[in-house]
Amino acid sequence: MEATRDQKRSASPFAAASWSMELKDLELRAAVEAGREAAQEKKREAAG
């Protein structure tokens, strides 16, 4: 996977920017998901 990542980066500035935005989107989704899980955990602790 490392090779394809480098290929995408060096393909063009636009492709690199697109890849970077895609990565940020994935990171944001992961953060949102982690936040949801933490909130559910707090609710369980408060209820139980």
PDB file of N, CA and C in Angstrom:
ATOM      1  N   MET A   1       0.824  -1.199   0.000  1.00  0.00           N
ATOM      2  CA  MET A   1       0.000   0.000   0.000  1.00  0.00           C
ATOM      3  C   MET A   1       0.865   1.259   0.000  1.00  0.00           C
ATOM      4  N   GLU A   2       2.022   1.180   0.602  1.00  0.00           N
ATOM      5  CA  GLU A   2       2.906   2.343   0.660  1.00  0.00           C
ATOM      6  C   GLU A   2       3.271   2.834  -0.743  1.00  0.00           C
ATOM      7  N   ALA A   3       3.501   1.908  -1.663  1.00  0.00           N
ATOM      8  CA  ALA A   3       3.881   2.288  -3.022  1.00  0.00           C
ATOM      9  C   ALA A   3       2.750   3.046  -3.708  1.00  0.00           C
ATOM     10  N   THR A   4       1.522   2.541  -3.599  1.00  0.00           N
ATOM     11  CA  THR A   4       0.397   3.211  -4.251  1.00  0.00           C
ATOM     12  C   THR A   4       0.156   4.576  -3.629  1.00  0.00           C
ATOM     13  N   ARG A   5       0.398   4.713  -2.335  1.00  0.00           N
ATOM     14  CA  ARG A   5       0.222   6.006  -1.672  1.00  0.00           C
ATOM     15  C   ARG A   5       1.204   7.016  -2.250  1.00  0.00           C
ATOM     16  N   ASP A   6       2.461   6.594  -2.425  1.00  0.00           N
ATOM     17  CA  ASP A   6       3.470   7.480  -2.998  1.00  0.00           C
ATOM     18  C   ASP A   6       3.134   7.813  -4.444  1.00  0.00           C
ATOM     19  N   GLN A   7       2.621   6.838  -5.189  1.00  0.00           N
ATOM     20  CA  GLN A   7       2.251   7.072  -6.579  1.00  0.00           C
ATOM     21  C   GLN A   7       1.135   8.112  -6.654  1.00  0.00           C
ATOM     22  N   LYS A   8       0.148   7.991  -5.800  1.00  0.00           N
ATOM     23  CA  LYS A   8      -0.951   8.956  -5.791  1.00  0.00           C
ATOM     24  C   LYS A   8      -0.433  10.349  -5.466  1.00  0.00           C
ATOM     25  N   ARG A   9       0.470  10.436  -4.505  1.00  0.00           N
ATOM     26  CA  ARG A   9       1.012  11.725  -4.086  1.00  0.00           C
ATOM     27  C   ARG A   9       1.774  12.401  -5.216  1.00  0.00           C
ATOM     28  N   SER A  10       2.569  11.623  -5.942  1.00  0.00           N
ATOM     29  CA  SER A  10       3.427  12.203  -6.971  1.00  0.00           C
ATOM     30  C   SER A  10       2.719  12.345  -8.320  1.00  0.00           C
ATOM     31  N   ALA A  11       1.514  11.818  -8.448  1.00  0.00           N
ATOM     32  CA  ALA A  11       0.794  11.868  -9.719  1.00  0.00           C
ATOM     33  C   ALA A  11       0.568  13.310 -10.167  1.00  0.00           C
ATOM     34  N   SER A  12       0.046  14.137  -9.278  1.00  0.00           N
ATOM     35  CA  SER A  12      -0.191  15.545  -9.584  1.00  0.00           C
ATOM     36  C   SER A  12      -0.535  16.281  -8.300  1.00  0.00           C
ATOM     37  N   PRO A  13      -0.338  17.598  -8.293  1.00  0.00           N
ATOM     38  CA  PRO A  13      -0.693  18.368  -7.089  1.00  0.00           C
ATOM     39  C   PRO A  13      -2.162  18.191  -6.726  1.00  0.00           C
ATOM     40  N   PHE A  14      -3.012  18.124  -7.745  1.00  0.00           N
ATOM     41  CA  PHE A  14      -4.444  17.960  -7.488  1.00  0.00           C
ATOM     42  C   PHE A  14      -4.719  16.611  -6.836  1.00  0.00           C
ATOM     43  N   ALA A  15      -4.087  15.563  -7.357  1.00  0.00           N
ATOM     44  CA  ALA A  15      -4.276  14.230  -6.791  1.00  0.00           C
ATOM     45  C   ALA A  15      -3.776  14.189  -5.349  1.00  0.00           C
ATOM     46  N   ALA A  16      -2.669  14.871  -5.096  1.00  0.00           N
ATOM     47  CA  ALA A  16      -2.117  14.907  -3.741  1.00  0.00           C
ATOM     48  C   ALA A  16      -3.079  15.632  -2.805  1.00  0.00           C
ATOM     49  N   ALA A  17      -3.646  16.736  -3.268  1.00  0.00           N
ATOM     50  CA  ALA A  17      -4.595  17.488  -2.450  1.00  0.00           C
ATOM     51  C   ALA A  17      -5.842  16.654  -2.193  1.00  0.00           C
ATOM     52  N   SER A  18      -6.301  15.957  -3.220  1.00  0.00           N
ATOM     53  CA  SER A  18      -7.478  15.104  -3.094  1.00  0.00           C
ATOM     54  C   SER A  18      -7.220  14.003  -2.074  1.00  0.00           C
ATOM     55  N   TRP A  19      -6.035  13.389  -2.170  1.00  0.00           N
ATOM     56  CA  TRP A  19      -5.675  12.314  -1.244  1.00  0.00           C
ATOM     57  C   TRP A  19      -5.618  12.857   0.176  1.00  0.00           C
ATOM     58  N   SER A  20      -5.072  14.052   0.334  1.00  0.00           N
ATOM     59  CA  SER A  20      -4.953  14.673   1.650  1.00  0.00           C
ATOM     60  C   SER A  20      -6.333  14.955   2.232  1.00  0.00           C
ATOM     61  N   MET A  21      -7.238  15.462   1.410  1.00  0.00           N
ATOM     62  CA  MET A  21      -8.598  15.747   1.878  1.00  0.00           C
ATOM     63  C   MET A  21      -9.309  14.457   2.253  1.00  0.00           C
ATOM     64  N   GLU A  22      -9.072  13.405   1.474  1.00  0.00           N
ATOM     65  CA  GLU A  22      -9.678  12.108   1.756  1.00  0.00           C
ATOM     66  C   GLU A  22      -9.205  11.603   3.117  1.00  0.00           C
ATOM     67  N   LEU A  23      -7.920  11.765   3.377  1.00  0.00           N
ATOM     68  CA  LEU A  23      -7.344  11.326   4.649  1.00  0.00           C
ATOM     69  C   LEU A  23      -7.960  12.117   5.802  1.00  0.00           C
ATOM     70  N   LYS A  24      -8.087  13.432   5.636  1.00  0.00           N
ATOM     71  CA  LYS A  24      -8.682  14.268   6.685  1.00  0.00           C
ATOM     72  C   LYS A  24     -10.121  13.848   6.939  1.00  0.00           C
ATOM     73  N   ASP A  25     -10.855  13.522   5.871  1.00  0.00           N
ATOM     74  CA  ASP A  25     -12.242  13.087   6.012  1.00  0.00           C
ATOM     75  C   ASP A  25     -12.306  11.798   6.824  1.00  0.00           C
ATOM     76  N   LEU A  26     -11.411  10.864   6.533  1.00  0.00           N
ATOM     77  CA  LEU A  26     -11.377   9.605   7.278  1.00  0.00           C
ATOM     78  C   LEU A  26     -11.033   9.856   8.739  1.00  0.00           C
ATOM     79  N   GLU A  27     -10.077  10.746   8.984  1.00  0.00           N
ATOM     80  CA  GLU A  27      -9.691  11.067  10.361  1.00  0.00           C
ATOM     81  C   GLU A  27     -10.856  11.709  11.100  1.00  0.00           C
ATOM     82  N   LEU A  28     -11.583  12.590  10.418  1.00  0.00           N
ATOM     83  CA  LEU A  28     -12.727  13.256  11.031  1.00  0.00           C
ATOM     84  C   LEU A  28     -13.806  12.233  11.376  1.00  0.00           C
ATOM     85  N   ARG A  29     -14.089  11.321  10.445  1.00  0.00           N
ATOM     86  CA  ARG A  29     -15.089  10.284  10.710  1.00  0.00           C
ATOM     87  C   ARG A  29     -14.690   9.429  11.897  1.00  0.00           C
ATOM     88  N   ALA A  30     -13.414   9.077  11.972  1.00  0.00           N
ATOM     89  CA  ALA A  30     -12.918   8.260  13.083  1.00  0.00           C
ATOM     90  C   ALA A  30     -13.077   9.011  14.403  1.00  0.00           C
ATOM     91  N   ALA A  31     -12.790  10.306  14.390  1.00  0.00           N
ATOM     92  CA  ALA A  31     -12.919  11.116  15.605  1.00  0.00           C
ATOM     93  C   ALA A  31     -14.379  11.212  16.035  1.00  0.00           C
ATOM     94  N   VAL A  32     -15.269  11.401  15.074  1.00  0.00           N
ATOM     95  CA  VAL A  32     -16.702  11.479  15.379  1.00  0.00           C
ATOM     96  C   VAL A  32     -17.175  10.155  15.964  1.00  0.00           C
ATOM     97  N   GLU A  33     -16.753   9.066  15.352  1.00  0.00           N
ATOM     98  CA  GLU A  33     -17.139   7.735  15.831  1.00  0.00           C
ATOM     99  C   GLU A  33     -16.624   7.507  17.250  1.00  0.00           C
ATOM    100  N   ALA A  34     -15.391   7.889  17.516  1.00  0.00           N
ATOM    101  CA  ALA A  34     -14.811   7.735  18.855  1.00  0.00           C
ATOM    102  C   ALA A  34     -15.586   8.587  19.857  1.00  0.00           C
ATOM    103  N   GLY A  35     -15.986   9.778  19.450  1.00  0.00           N
ATOM    104  CA  GLY A  35     -16.767  10.652  20.321  1.00  0.00           C
ATOM    105  C   GLY A  35     -18.114  10.047  20.654  1.00  0.00           C
ATOM    106  N   ARG A  36     -18.751   9.434  19.660  1.00  0.00           N
ATOM    107  CA  ARG A  36     -20.039   8.781  19.885  1.00  0.00           C
ATOM    108  C   ARG A  36     -19.899   7.644  20.880  1.00  0.00           C
ATOM    109  N   GLU A  37     -18.861   6.837  20.687  1.00  0.00           N
ATOM    110  CA  GLU A  37     -18.631   5.704  21.585  1.00  0.00           C
ATOM    111  C   GLU A  37     -18.388   6.185  23.008  1.00  0.00           C
ATOM    112  N   ALA A  38     -17.629   7.258  23.155  1.00  0.00           N
ATOM    113  CA  ALA A  38     -17.345   7.803  24.488  1.00  0.00           C
ATOM    114  C   ALA A  38     -18.635   8.314  25.131  1.00  0.00           C
ATOM    115  N   ALA A  39     -19.483   8.965  24.356  1.00  0.00           N
ATOM    116  CA  ALA A  39     -20.749   9.484  24.878  1.00  0.00           C
ATOM    117  C   ALA A  39     -21.656   8.335  25.316  1.00  0.00           C
ATOM    118  N   GLN A  40     -21.707   7.273  24.517  1.00  0.00           N
ATOM    119  CA  GLN A  40     -22.528   6.113  24.879  1.00  0.00           C
ATOM    120  C   GLN A  40     -22.004   5.462  26.151  1.00  0.00           C
ATOM    121  N   GLU A  41     -20.697   5.410  26.283  1.00  0.00           N
ATOM    122  CA  GLU A  41     -20.081   4.820  27.474  1.00  0.00           C
ATOM    123  C   GLU A  41     -20.457   5.629  28.715  1.00  0.00           C
ATOM    124  N   LYS A  42     -20.434   6.952  28.601  1.00  0.00           N
ATOM    125  CA  LYS A  42     -20.805   7.815  29.735  1.00  0.00           C
ATOM    126  C   LYS A  42     -22.269   7.612  30.103  1.00  0.00           C
ATOM    127  N   LYS A  43     -23.128   7.474  29.091  1.00  0.00           N
ATOM    128  CA  LYS A  43     -24.553   7.250  29.353  1.00  0.00           C
ATOM    129  C   LYS A  43     -24.745   5.934  30.100  1.00  0.00           C
ATOM    130  N   ARG A  44     -24.017   4.901  29.682  1.00  0.00           N
ATOM    131  CA  ARG A  44     -24.121   3.598  30.343  1.00  0.00           C
ATOM    132  C   ARG A  44     -23.678   3.698  31.799  1.00  0.00           C
ATOM    133  N   GLU A  45     -22.580   4.411  32.023  1.00  0.00           N
ATOM    134  CA  GLU A  45     -22.074   4.567  33.394  1.00  0.00           C
ATOM    135  C   GLU A  45     -23.078   5.335  34.249  1.00  0.00           C
ATOM    136  N   ALA A  46     -23.691   6.365  33.687  1.00  0.00           N
ATOM    137  CA  ALA A  46     -24.666   7.168  34.427  1.00  0.00           C
ATOM    138  C   ALA A  46     -25.928   6.345  34.720  1.00  0.00           C
ATOM    139  N   ALA A  47     -26.337   5.534  33.757  1.00  0.00           N
ATOM    140  CA  ALA A  47     -27.548   4.719  33.922  1.00  0.00           C
ATOM    141  C   ALA A  47     -27.293   3.547  34.865  1.00  0.00           C
ATOM    142  N   GLY A  48     -26.131   2.947  34.765  1.00  0.00           N
ATOM    143  CA  GLY A  48     -25.824   1.758  35.551  1.00  0.00           C
ATOM    144  C   GLY A  48     -25.161   2.126  36.826  1.00  0.00           C
TER     145      GLY A  48
END
